[in-house]
Amino acid sequence: MNLNIKDTFTKELPSDSNLENSRRQVENAVFSFTNPKKTVKPEVLHISQEMATELNISKEDSKSKFFKNVVTGNEVYPNTKPFAMCYGGHQFGNWAGQLGDGRAINLFEIEHQNKNWKVQLKGAGETPYSRTADGLAVLRSSVREYLCAEAMFHLNVPTTRSLSLSLSGDSVMRDILYDGNPAYEKGAIVSRVSPSFLRFGSFEIFSARKDIKNLKGLVDYTIKHHFTHLGKPTKKSYINFFKKVSERTLKMIIDWQRVGFVHGVMNTDNMSILGLTIDFGPYGWLEGFDFGWTPNTTDRQHKRYRYGNQPNIGLWNLYQLANALYPIIEEVEPLNAILEQYKIDFEKQSLQMMKNKLGLFTSDEEDVKLIQSLEDNLQLVETDMTIFFRNLSSFTDEKSGLELIKEAFYDFKNISDEVKIKWNLWFKKYEDKLTIERVSSEERKEKMNAVNPKYILRNYMSQLAIDAANEGDYSLIDELFQLLKKPYSEQPKSQKWFAKRPEWARNKVGCSMLSCSS
């Protein structure tokens, strides 16, 4: 395994002068050198060969003992120095101070085919930022993270990636529901890949500490390597940097809304500076369409991170980033203008996204009303979002509308006449709108099916894979991994996965509710 190692991050940015791996406040540094923990009996369970190829790791290499040792933290790649990153963050709306990579250790930076990738291990042991935790991860959360990152990539949602999923061979103690009943679970490690793991909180921590020198240094580094087109560091390029981050963040969230993904914990330390989906913790996918739904048990009372609020939280988080960048810009007006533009762009892009989902290509004053009444209808009774939009692509006329989406309803038998009338009214308006469109039903169906996935990683599907894996059967992990490579394709042999959440999963832990430590 011969990798083209680059180390711009560790060579160009300040490191922690204290080399001890002890939990502490780390100042004047972007990262701390720290080695992964050796494990008892590592075993690689699954590899994303597609991602491995991006890193110039061959199939043969990925089967080697050396690869296994590197991606489980048991061997450090020659001439590299693993490290954990320092950052702060606003958690659930409150400044939490220093957070940092508490259970992630960055291994190295690879350049291949003009792309730069950072490779990191999640669950590879404690770091100076682990606070009271052990720096480890369990199989349950690792399966979810590994599968979801790759699923998001194939859904065309901006995301960090997965390289491998491994067992550490160690047992890890976890209290899954924070109810005082901890138990041992299988330890696991995911190797994650991204052009950068920098977060909003990476910039916030320096600003909060009034360390303007390192704030400027980190922004300059980020522009140089990730926003090269913005040119040399100047006040103008800093403003344009914030503008680009705002635009990318919005694009990512619009895509989340399109596929019904709920991140679950949109703290500023979980917001990528590149607008990539990062940190797959208590995430979930909408089953029934519900603007008020969140999978995170920690957030059940206030539902801050609910599905319908994600665009607002994106904006709130950008306000925090604007505050962090202010000391090197020293002008409020341009930052405010960018934040205002986010609101305008959200309205435009959200409308366009919904029109694409509905196969509408001409503009009409009634479009907004049609979409609003649809969103109201979808919440009258429990209606599966994915099945509804996928089946709608076969729409022909108002009379067959209800029959077409029948399988999207969780309890079709008991739907009232009143609800049926509302749906038939909507189908009539939809049919009227389609008559204005100059698109054949075949072309419309093709375009709708390109943005409305047939297969998503429903929470119960992950749970089935986790339950099997806990018994030593890893075949379902691969089945789901392969299925989710082509989420927009029909895949008739996999039709069983195009189904509503089964009733047994309605209130099962891991299927409908998750905690941050998941």
Protein backbone atom coordinates (compact mmCIF):
# COMPACT_ATOMS: atom_id res chain seq x y z
CA MET A 1 0.00 0.00 0.00
CA ASN A 2 1.87 3.00 -1.32
CA LEU A 3 0.02 6.23 -0.55
CA ASN A 4 0.88 9.72 -1.79
CA ILE A 5 1.05 11.40 1.62
CA LYS A 6 0.75 15.17 1.97
CA ASP A 7 0.71 16.94 5.29
CA THR A 8 -0.36 20.50 4.62
CA PHE A 9 -2.61 20.53 7.69
CA THR A 10 0.05 19.54 10.23
CA LYS A 11 2.87 21.51 8.56
CA GLU A 12 1.03 24.78 7.93
CA LEU A 13 -1.06 25.03 11.10
CA PRO A 14 0.05 25.36 14.75
CA SER A 15 0.17 22.18 16.83
CA ASP A 16 -0.30 21.70 20.57
CA SER A 17 3.12 22.03 22.26
CA ASN A 18 2.06 19.57 24.97
CA LEU A 19 2.55 16.05 23.59
CA GLU A 20 0.86 14.25 26.50
CA ASN A 21 -2.41 12.53 25.71
CA SER A 22 -4.15 14.01 28.76
CA ARG A 23 -7.56 15.69 28.79
CA ARG A 24 -7.10 19.43 28.99
CA GLN A 25 -7.79 22.84 27.52
CA VAL A 26 -5.63 23.23 24.43
CA GLU A 27 -4.71 26.79 23.49
CA ASN A 28 -2.93 28.39 20.52
CA ALA A 29 -3.26 25.22 18.47
CA VAL A 30 -5.48 23.78 15.74
CA PHE A 31 -4.65 20.19 16.68
CA SER A 32 -2.81 17.88 19.06
CA PHE A 33 -0.64 14.94 18.02
CA THR A 34 -2.06 11.72 19.45
CA ASN A 35 -1.83 8.06 18.46
CA PRO A 36 -4.76 5.66 18.16
CA LYS A 37 -5.22 2.96 20.79
CA LYS A 38 -4.09 -0.56 19.89
CA THR A 39 -6.94 -3.08 19.92
CA VAL A 40 -7.22 -6.69 20.98
CA LYS A 41 -8.45 -8.48 17.86
CA PRO A 42 -9.14 -6.18 14.91
CA GLU A 43 -11.26 -7.41 12.03
CA VAL A 44 -12.29 -5.45 8.92
CA LEU A 45 -15.99 -6.11 8.27
CA HIS A 46 -16.57 -4.03 5.15
CA ILE A 47 -14.71 -1.75 2.75
CA SER A 48 -16.01 0.88 0.34
CA GLN A 49 -13.83 -0.14 -2.60
CA GLU A 50 -15.06 2.90 -4.50
CA MET A 51 -13.63 5.18 -1.81
CA ALA A 52 -10.47 3.06 -1.54
CA THR A 53 -9.87 3.55 -5.28
CA GLU A 54 -10.15 7.35 -4.79
CA LEU A 55 -7.23 7.03 -2.35
CA ASN A 56 -5.24 4.74 -4.67
CA ILE A 57 -5.76 1.72 -2.43
CA SER A 58 -6.16 -1.40 -4.57
CA LYS A 59 -8.46 -4.33 -3.82
CA GLU A 60 -5.37 -6.40 -3.04
CA ASP A 61 -4.05 -3.71 -0.65
CA SER A 62 -7.38 -3.47 1.15
CA LYS A 63 -7.21 -7.19 1.99
CA SER A 64 -3.75 -6.92 3.52
CA LYS A 65 -2.88 -7.15 7.21
CA PHE A 66 -1.19 -3.75 6.94
CA PHE A 67 -4.41 -2.09 5.72
CA LYS A 68 -6.34 -3.76 8.55
CA ASN A 69 -3.83 -2.54 11.13
CA VAL A 70 -3.84 1.02 9.78
CA VAL A 71 -7.65 1.41 9.66
CA THR A 72 -8.05 -0.04 13.17
CA GLY A 73 -5.33 2.13 14.72
CA ASN A 74 -2.90 -0.73 15.35
CA GLU A 75 -0.19 0.57 13.05
CA VAL A 76 0.76 4.09 12.07
CA TYR A 77 1.47 4.59 8.37
CA PRO A 78 5.22 5.35 7.85
CA ASN A 79 6.27 8.99 8.18
CA THR A 80 2.87 10.19 9.38
CA LYS A 81 1.80 11.63 12.73
CA PRO A 82 -1.86 11.09 13.74
CA PHE A 83 -3.65 13.98 15.42
CA ALA A 84 -6.92 15.17 16.94
CA MET A 85 -8.43 18.55 16.07
CA CYS A 86 -9.30 21.36 18.47
CA TYR A 87 -12.64 23.14 18.06
CA GLY A 88 -15.48 24.58 20.09
CA GLY A 89 -19.16 24.81 19.38
CA HIS A 90 -22.66 25.90 20.19
CA GLN A 91 -24.59 22.86 21.39
CA PHE A 92 -28.40 23.14 21.35
CA GLY A 93 -28.02 26.92 21.11
CA ASN A 94 -25.50 27.41 23.94
CA TRP A 95 -21.76 28.03 23.73
CA ALA A 96 -20.07 24.90 25.07
CA GLY A 97 -16.44 26.05 24.97
CA GLN A 98 -13.74 23.64 23.85
CA LEU A 99 -15.00 20.36 22.40
CA GLY A 100 -12.62 18.90 19.78
CA ASP A 101 -12.10 15.41 18.38
CA GLY A 102 -13.10 13.41 21.44
CA ARG A 103 -13.23 10.10 19.60
CA ALA A 104 -11.78 10.86 16.19
CA ILE A 105 -8.12 10.63 15.27
CA ASN A 106 -6.88 11.89 11.91
CA LEU A 107 -4.36 9.52 10.36
CA PHE A 108 -3.01 11.31 7.31
CA GLU A 109 -3.68 13.37 4.22
CA ILE A 110 -3.59 11.76 0.76
CA GLU A 111 -3.34 13.36 -2.65
CA HIS A 112 -4.50 11.33 -5.64
CA GLN A 113 -5.65 12.42 -9.10
CA ASN A 114 -5.62 16.10 -8.07
CA LYS A 115 -7.87 15.49 -5.08
CA ASN A 116 -6.83 15.89 -1.46
CA TRP A 117 -8.38 13.64 1.18
CA LYS A 118 -8.05 13.49 4.97
CA VAL A 119 -8.50 10.03 6.52
CA GLN A 120 -9.59 9.72 10.12
CA LEU A 121 -10.65 6.96 12.51
CA LYS A 122 -13.74 7.30 14.66
CA GLY A 123 -13.66 5.22 17.83
CA ALA A 124 -9.88 4.73 17.98
CA GLY A 125 -9.30 5.86 21.55
CA GLU A 126 -9.00 8.88 23.76
CA THR A 127 -7.51 12.25 22.86
CA PRO A 128 -6.88 15.48 24.80
CA TYR A 129 -10.47 16.40 23.80
CA SER A 130 -12.23 13.29 25.12
CA ARG A 131 -13.43 15.05 28.29
CA THR A 132 -15.12 12.35 30.43
CA ALA A 133 -15.54 9.86 27.57
CA ASP A 134 -13.41 6.90 26.47
CA GLY A 135 -12.88 7.87 22.83
CA LEU A 136 -14.33 4.57 21.65
CA ALA A 137 -17.33 3.67 19.46
CA VAL A 138 -19.62 0.66 19.34
CA LEU A 139 -20.73 -1.52 16.44
CA ARG A 140 -24.28 -0.14 16.60
CA SER A 141 -23.35 3.48 15.90
CA SER A 142 -20.51 2.53 13.56
CA VAL A 143 -22.75 0.51 11.22
CA ARG A 144 -25.13 3.47 11.03
CA GLU A 145 -22.35 5.96 10.28
CA TYR A 146 -20.55 3.73 7.77
CA LEU A 147 -23.68 2.95 5.74
CA CYS A 148 -25.20 6.43 5.90
CA ALA A 149 -22.20 8.40 4.64
CA GLU A 150 -21.95 6.27 1.50
CA ALA A 151 -25.75 6.24 1.05
CA MET A 152 -25.77 10.05 1.16
CA PHE A 153 -23.04 10.21 -1.49
CA HIS A 154 -25.11 8.09 -3.89
CA LEU A 155 -28.20 10.20 -3.16
CA ASN A 156 -26.16 13.17 -4.47
CA VAL A 157 -26.16 14.87 -1.07
CA PRO A 158 -22.88 16.66 -0.16
CA THR A 159 -21.23 14.42 2.44
CA THR A 160 -18.11 13.08 4.10
CA ARG A 161 -17.37 9.48 3.06
CA SER A 162 -16.66 6.07 4.59
CA LEU A 163 -13.66 3.90 3.80
CA SER A 164 -14.00 0.94 6.15
CA LEU A 165 -15.93 -0.56 9.05
CA SER A 166 -14.01 -2.72 11.53
CA LEU A 167 -14.43 -4.51 14.83
CA SER A 168 -11.82 -3.62 17.42
CA GLY A 169 -12.18 -6.90 19.29
CA ASP A 170 -12.69 -4.92 22.50
CA SER A 171 -15.87 -4.57 24.54
CA VAL A 172 -17.17 -1.05 25.18
CA MET A 173 -19.53 0.01 27.95
CA ARG A 174 -22.49 2.14 26.86
CA ASP A 175 -25.73 3.37 28.40
CA ILE A 176 -27.82 3.44 25.22
CA LEU A 177 -30.77 5.42 26.65
CA TYR A 178 -29.03 7.34 29.46
CA ASP A 179 -31.27 5.51 31.92
CA GLY A 180 -28.60 4.15 34.25
CA ASN A 181 -28.45 0.69 32.66
CA PRO A 182 -25.06 0.49 30.93
CA ALA A 183 -24.03 -2.71 29.16
CA TYR A 184 -21.06 -3.99 27.19
CA GLU A 185 -21.25 -3.81 23.41
CA LYS A 186 -18.89 -4.74 20.59
CA GLY A 187 -16.29 -2.05 19.95
CA ALA A 188 -15.92 -0.81 16.38
CA ILE A 189 -13.98 1.72 14.30
CA VAL A 190 -15.05 3.54 11.14
CA SER A 191 -12.47 5.13 8.88
CA ARG A 192 -13.96 8.32 7.48
CA VAL A 193 -12.72 10.37 4.56
CA SER A 194 -13.23 14.01 3.60
CA PRO A 195 -11.37 16.82 1.83
CA SER A 196 -11.53 18.50 5.25
CA PHE A 197 -12.93 17.85 8.69
CA LEU A 198 -12.83 21.55 9.66
CA ARG A 199 -16.05 22.72 11.30
CA PHE A 200 -17.68 26.05 12.13
CA GLY A 201 -16.46 25.40 15.68
CA SER A 202 -12.83 25.26 14.51
CA PHE A 203 -13.08 29.01 13.86
CA GLU A 204 -15.38 29.80 16.79
CA ILE A 205 -12.90 28.53 19.38
CA PHE A 206 -10.19 31.06 18.37
CA SER A 207 -12.65 33.92 18.18
CA ALA A 208 -14.09 33.05 21.61
CA ARG A 209 -10.56 33.06 23.04
CA LYS A 210 -9.75 36.35 21.25
CA ASP A 211 -6.88 34.52 19.50
CA ILE A 212 -7.13 36.54 16.29
CA LYS A 213 -3.70 35.48 15.01
CA ASN A 214 -4.68 31.80 14.86
CA LEU A 215 -8.19 32.60 13.63
CA LYS A 216 -6.67 34.47 10.67
CA GLY A 217 -4.12 31.70 10.11
CA LEU A 218 -6.83 29.04 9.95
CA VAL A 219 -9.02 31.08 7.58
CA ASP A 220 -5.99 31.75 5.35
CA TYR A 221 -5.17 28.01 5.29
CA THR A 222 -8.80 27.10 4.49
CA ILE A 223 -9.00 29.60 1.61
CA LYS A 224 -5.61 28.53 0.24
CA HIS A 225 -6.50 24.81 0.13
CA HIS A 226 -10.29 24.67 -0.18
CA PHE A 227 -11.41 27.98 -1.71
CA THR A 228 -8.38 28.63 -3.91
CA HIS A 229 -10.38 30.62 -6.46
CA LEU A 230 -10.94 33.36 -3.85
CA GLY A 231 -7.29 34.41 -4.19
CA LYS A 232 -4.91 35.91 -1.64
CA PRO A 233 -6.08 36.62 1.92
CA THR A 234 -7.77 40.03 2.06
CA LYS A 235 -10.87 41.41 3.73
CA LYS A 236 -12.69 40.87 0.43
CA SER A 237 -11.66 37.21 0.20
CA TYR A 238 -12.73 36.65 3.84
CA ILE A 239 -16.19 38.03 3.03
CA ASN A 240 -16.39 35.86 -0.11
CA PHE A 241 -15.25 32.87 1.93
CA PHE A 242 -18.20 33.35 4.28
CA LYS A 243 -20.50 33.77 1.27
CA LYS A 244 -19.33 30.44 -0.21
CA VAL A 245 -19.75 28.63 3.13
CA SER A 246 -23.27 30.05 3.41
CA GLU A 247 -24.17 28.92 -0.12
CA ARG A 248 -22.77 25.42 0.38
CA THR A 249 -24.50 25.02 3.73
CA LEU A 250 -27.85 25.94 2.18
CA LYS A 251 -27.34 23.57 -0.76
CA MET A 252 -26.61 20.70 1.65
CA ILE A 253 -29.71 21.41 3.75
CA ILE A 254 -31.98 21.72 0.70
CA ASP A 255 -30.75 18.25 -0.30
CA TRP A 256 -31.48 16.95 3.22
CA GLN A 257 -35.03 18.28 2.91
CA ARG A 258 -35.38 16.72 -0.54
CA VAL A 259 -34.63 13.18 0.64
CA GLY A 260 -36.19 13.51 4.12
CA PHE A 261 -32.92 13.31 6.09
CA VAL A 262 -32.88 14.66 9.66
CA HIS A 263 -29.35 15.18 11.00
CA GLY A 264 -30.52 15.21 14.61
CA VAL A 265 -27.71 17.26 16.17
CA MET A 266 -26.88 20.36 14.13
CA ASN A 267 -24.54 21.89 16.68
CA THR A 268 -21.91 24.22 15.21
CA ASP A 269 -19.19 21.65 15.94
CA ASN A 270 -21.08 19.30 13.59
CA MET A 271 -21.22 21.79 10.69
CA SER A 272 -18.61 21.26 7.98
CA ILE A 273 -16.90 24.37 6.63
CA LEU A 274 -17.22 22.76 3.17
CA GLY A 275 -20.98 22.26 3.44
CA LEU A 276 -20.70 18.47 3.75
CA THR A 277 -22.88 16.25 5.90
CA ILE A 278 -20.67 15.28 8.84
CA ASP A 279 -21.05 13.31 12.09
CA PHE A 280 -23.79 10.75 11.56
CA GLY A 281 -25.00 10.36 15.15
CA PRO A 282 -28.69 10.32 16.10
CA TYR A 283 -29.79 10.95 12.51
CA GLY A 284 -32.95 9.55 10.98
CA TRP A 285 -35.02 9.51 7.83
CA LEU A 286 -38.59 10.68 7.70
CA GLU A 287 -40.98 7.77 7.54
CA GLY A 288 -44.27 9.63 7.91
CA PHE A 289 -43.92 13.16 6.48
CA ASP A 290 -43.70 15.39 9.56
CA PHE A 291 -42.05 18.81 9.84
CA GLY A 292 -41.93 18.36 13.61
CA TRP A 293 -40.04 15.06 13.73
CA THR A 294 -36.59 14.57 15.23
CA PRO A 295 -34.89 11.23 15.91
CA ASN A 296 -32.81 12.60 18.80
CA THR A 297 -34.12 11.69 22.27
CA THR A 298 -31.99 14.47 23.80
CA ASP A 299 -33.97 16.97 21.72
CA ARG A 300 -37.43 15.48 22.28
CA GLN A 301 -38.72 18.31 24.48
CA HIS A 302 -37.78 21.36 22.39
CA LYS A 303 -37.28 19.66 19.00
CA ARG A 304 -34.74 22.30 18.04
CA TYR A 305 -33.32 20.10 15.30
CA ARG A 306 -36.63 18.85 13.87
CA TYR A 307 -36.94 18.26 10.12
CA GLY A 308 -38.81 21.50 9.35
CA ASN A 309 -36.38 23.62 11.35
CA GLN A 310 -33.14 22.48 9.70
CA PRO A 311 -32.96 25.42 7.23
CA ASN A 312 -33.45 27.89 10.14
CA ILE A 313 -30.75 26.18 12.18
CA GLY A 314 -28.40 26.36 9.21
CA LEU A 315 -28.93 30.13 9.26
CA TRP A 316 -28.52 30.36 13.06
CA ASN A 317 -25.25 28.46 12.79
CA LEU A 318 -24.06 30.78 10.04
CA TYR A 319 -24.76 33.73 12.36
CA GLN A 320 -22.38 32.13 14.88
CA LEU A 321 -19.75 31.67 12.17
CA ALA A 322 -20.22 35.31 11.09
CA ASN A 323 -19.62 36.40 14.69
CA ALA A 324 -16.48 34.25 14.79
CA LEU A 325 -15.12 35.76 11.55
CA TYR A 326 -16.02 39.35 12.44
CA PRO A 327 -12.66 40.15 14.13
CA ILE A 328 -10.81 39.66 10.82
CA ILE A 329 -13.48 41.40 8.71
CA GLU A 330 -14.58 44.19 11.09
CA GLU A 331 -17.63 45.05 9.00
CA VAL A 332 -21.15 44.00 9.88
CA GLU A 333 -22.86 45.03 6.65
CA PRO A 334 -21.38 42.50 4.20
CA LEU A 335 -21.91 39.65 6.67
CA ASN A 336 -25.53 40.68 7.22
CA ALA A 337 -26.11 40.90 3.47
CA ILE A 338 -24.91 37.29 3.06
CA LEU A 339 -27.19 36.10 5.88
CA GLU A 340 -30.14 37.94 4.32
CA GLN A 341 -29.33 36.36 0.97
CA TYR A 342 -29.49 32.92 2.59
CA LYS A 343 -33.14 33.60 3.48
CA ILE A 344 -33.97 34.73 -0.07
CA ASP A 345 -32.09 31.80 -1.63
CA PHE A 346 -33.77 29.35 0.72
CA GLU A 347 -37.23 30.41 -0.46
CA LYS A 348 -36.18 30.13 -4.11
CA GLN A 349 -34.27 26.86 -3.80
CA SER A 350 -36.84 25.23 -1.55
CA LEU A 351 -39.61 26.03 -4.03
CA GLN A 352 -37.51 24.74 -6.93
CA MET A 353 -36.65 21.56 -5.03
CA MET A 354 -40.33 20.82 -4.35
CA LYS A 355 -41.25 21.58 -7.97
CA ASN A 356 -38.59 19.10 -9.10
CA LYS A 357 -40.03 16.49 -6.74
CA LEU A 358 -43.47 17.09 -8.28
CA GLY A 359 -42.25 17.15 -11.87
CA LEU A 360 -43.24 20.79 -12.45
CA PHE A 361 -41.12 22.69 -14.93
CA THR A 362 -43.14 25.81 -15.76
CA SER A 363 -43.61 28.65 -13.30
CA ASP A 364 -47.02 29.64 -12.07
CA GLU A 365 -48.34 31.87 -9.26
CA GLU A 366 -50.27 28.87 -7.94
CA ASP A 367 -47.15 26.72 -7.45
CA VAL A 368 -46.61 27.80 -3.84
CA LYS A 369 -50.27 27.12 -2.93
CA LEU A 370 -50.14 23.70 -4.61
CA ILE A 371 -47.02 22.78 -2.61
CA GLN A 372 -48.38 24.15 0.68
CA SER A 373 -51.64 22.24 0.33
CA LEU A 374 -49.63 19.09 -0.48
CA GLU A 375 -47.50 19.54 2.66
CA ASP A 376 -50.69 20.01 4.70
CA ASN A 377 -52.23 16.87 3.19
CA LEU A 378 -49.11 14.81 3.85
CA GLN A 379 -49.49 15.57 7.56
CA LEU A 380 -53.23 14.82 7.85
CA VAL A 381 -52.55 11.15 8.53
CA GLU A 382 -49.26 9.25 8.70
CA THR A 383 -48.02 9.20 5.09
CA ASP A 384 -44.67 7.78 4.03
CA MET A 385 -42.65 10.51 2.32
CA THR A 386 -40.39 8.31 0.19
CA ILE A 387 -43.16 6.03 -1.12
CA PHE A 388 -45.51 8.96 -1.78
CA PHE A 389 -43.12 10.91 -4.01
CA ARG A 390 -41.75 7.85 -5.77
CA ASN A 391 -45.22 6.56 -6.65
CA LEU A 392 -46.46 10.01 -7.64
CA SER A 393 -44.14 9.87 -10.66
CA SER A 394 -46.60 7.39 -12.22
CA PHE A 395 -49.55 9.83 -11.88
CA THR A 396 -51.96 9.90 -14.83
CA ASP A 397 -55.22 11.45 -13.60
CA GLU A 398 -57.15 12.62 -10.55
CA LYS A 399 -59.37 9.51 -10.41
CA SER A 400 -56.48 7.07 -9.92
CA GLY A 401 -54.44 9.38 -7.66
CA LEU A 402 -55.48 7.98 -4.31
CA GLU A 403 -55.05 4.39 -5.48
CA LEU A 404 -51.56 5.27 -6.74
CA ILE A 405 -50.33 6.53 -3.37
CA LYS A 406 -52.36 4.05 -1.29
CA GLU A 407 -49.31 2.13 -0.08
CA ALA A 408 -47.78 5.34 1.33
CA PHE A 409 -50.48 5.50 4.04
CA TYR A 410 -49.73 3.71 7.29
CA ASP A 411 -53.41 3.02 7.98
CA PHE A 412 -55.32 3.34 4.71
CA LYS A 413 -58.33 1.34 5.94
CA ASN A 414 -59.23 3.92 8.57
CA ILE A 415 -58.74 7.09 6.53
CA SER A 416 -61.80 9.32 6.84
CA ASP A 417 -63.85 10.51 3.87
CA GLU A 418 -62.85 14.05 4.77
CA VAL A 419 -59.16 13.21 4.25
CA LYS A 420 -59.93 11.42 0.97
CA ILE A 421 -61.84 14.46 -0.30
CA LYS A 422 -58.83 16.72 0.51
CA TRP A 423 -56.54 14.40 -1.40
CA ASN A 424 -58.87 14.21 -4.42
CA LEU A 425 -59.07 18.01 -4.49
CA TRP A 426 -55.29 18.19 -4.48
CA PHE A 427 -54.99 15.59 -7.25
CA LYS A 428 -57.44 17.64 -9.35
CA LYS A 429 -55.25 20.76 -8.94
CA TYR A 430 -52.14 18.71 -9.69
CA GLU A 431 -53.73 17.26 -12.83
CA ASP A 432 -54.74 20.77 -13.97
CA LYS A 433 -51.18 21.97 -13.44
CA LEU A 434 -49.72 19.05 -15.40
CA THR A 435 -51.89 19.88 -18.41
CA ILE A 436 -49.98 23.19 -18.74
CA GLU A 437 -46.62 21.37 -18.66
CA ARG A 438 -45.08 20.61 -22.04
CA VAL A 439 -43.47 17.41 -20.86
CA SER A 440 -44.54 13.86 -21.70
CA SER A 441 -45.56 11.64 -18.78
CA GLU A 442 -42.53 9.40 -19.53
CA GLU A 443 -40.10 12.31 -19.37
CA ARG A 444 -41.74 13.67 -16.22
CA LYS A 445 -41.50 10.26 -14.55
CA GLU A 446 -37.82 9.96 -15.44
CA LYS A 447 -37.05 13.43 -14.06
CA MET A 448 -39.05 12.87 -10.87
CA ASN A 449 -37.39 9.51 -10.25
CA ALA A 450 -33.98 11.18 -10.55
CA VAL A 451 -34.68 13.35 -7.46
CA ASN A 452 -37.10 11.15 -5.48
CA PRO A 453 -35.18 8.10 -4.23
CA LYS A 454 -36.79 4.69 -4.13
CA TYR A 455 -34.42 3.41 -1.44
CA ILE A 456 -33.18 5.25 1.63
CA LEU A 457 -31.47 3.95 4.77
CA ARG A 458 -34.56 3.69 6.92
CA ASN A 459 -33.77 3.42 10.61
CA TYR A 460 -35.26 -0.07 10.91
CA MET A 461 -33.05 -1.28 8.03
CA SER A 462 -29.92 -0.16 9.89
CA GLN A 463 -31.26 -1.83 13.02
CA LEU A 464 -31.77 -5.15 11.23
CA ALA A 465 -28.17 -4.99 10.00
CA ILE A 466 -26.97 -4.11 13.52
CA ASP A 467 -28.95 -6.95 15.14
CA ALA A 468 -27.52 -9.44 12.62
CA ALA A 469 -23.99 -8.06 13.05
CA ASN A 470 -24.22 -8.41 16.82
CA GLU A 471 -24.84 -12.11 16.17
CA GLY A 472 -21.81 -12.29 13.85
CA ASP A 473 -23.70 -12.10 10.55
CA TYR A 474 -22.40 -9.21 8.45
CA SER A 475 -24.15 -10.09 5.17
CA LEU A 476 -26.97 -7.57 5.66
CA ILE A 477 -24.44 -4.73 5.96
CA ASP A 478 -23.23 -5.59 2.47
CA GLU A 479 -26.76 -6.08 1.10
CA LEU A 480 -27.78 -2.60 2.24
CA PHE A 481 -24.47 -1.11 1.11
CA GLN A 482 -25.01 -2.46 -2.43
CA LEU A 483 -28.71 -1.48 -2.48
CA LEU A 484 -27.95 2.11 -1.50
CA LYS A 485 -25.38 2.55 -4.27
CA LYS A 486 -28.32 2.94 -6.68
CA PRO A 487 -31.07 4.61 -4.64
CA TYR A 488 -32.86 6.03 -7.71
CA SER A 489 -32.91 2.75 -9.66
CA GLU A 490 -35.85 0.34 -9.57
CA GLN A 491 -33.79 -2.70 -8.48
CA PRO A 492 -36.79 -5.10 -8.68
CA LYS A 493 -34.93 -7.85 -6.80
CA SER A 494 -34.73 -5.53 -3.77
CA GLN A 495 -38.39 -4.48 -3.81
CA LYS A 496 -38.82 -5.67 -0.19
CA TRP A 497 -36.85 -2.59 0.94
CA PHE A 498 -39.32 -0.26 -0.78
CA ALA A 499 -41.69 -0.54 2.12
CA LYS A 500 -43.04 1.44 5.03
CA ARG A 501 -41.50 1.03 8.46
CA PRO A 502 -42.88 -2.22 9.95
CA GLU A 503 -45.07 -1.85 13.03
CA TRP A 504 -42.55 -3.64 15.27
CA ALA A 505 -40.10 -0.79 14.59
CA ARG A 506 -42.48 2.04 15.52
CA ASN A 507 -41.16 2.52 19.06
CA LYS A 508 -38.10 0.28 19.06
CA VAL A 509 -34.83 1.83 20.25
CA GLY A 510 -32.62 2.48 17.22
CA CYS A 511 -35.59 2.56 14.84
CA SER A 512 -37.52 5.58 16.02
CA MET A 513 -35.35 7.21 18.68
CA LEU A 514 -31.64 7.54 19.24
CA SER A 515 -29.33 9.25 21.68
CA CYS A 516 -26.31 11.42 20.96
CA SER A 517 -23.96 8.66 22.13
CA SER A 518 -25.39 6.33 19.51
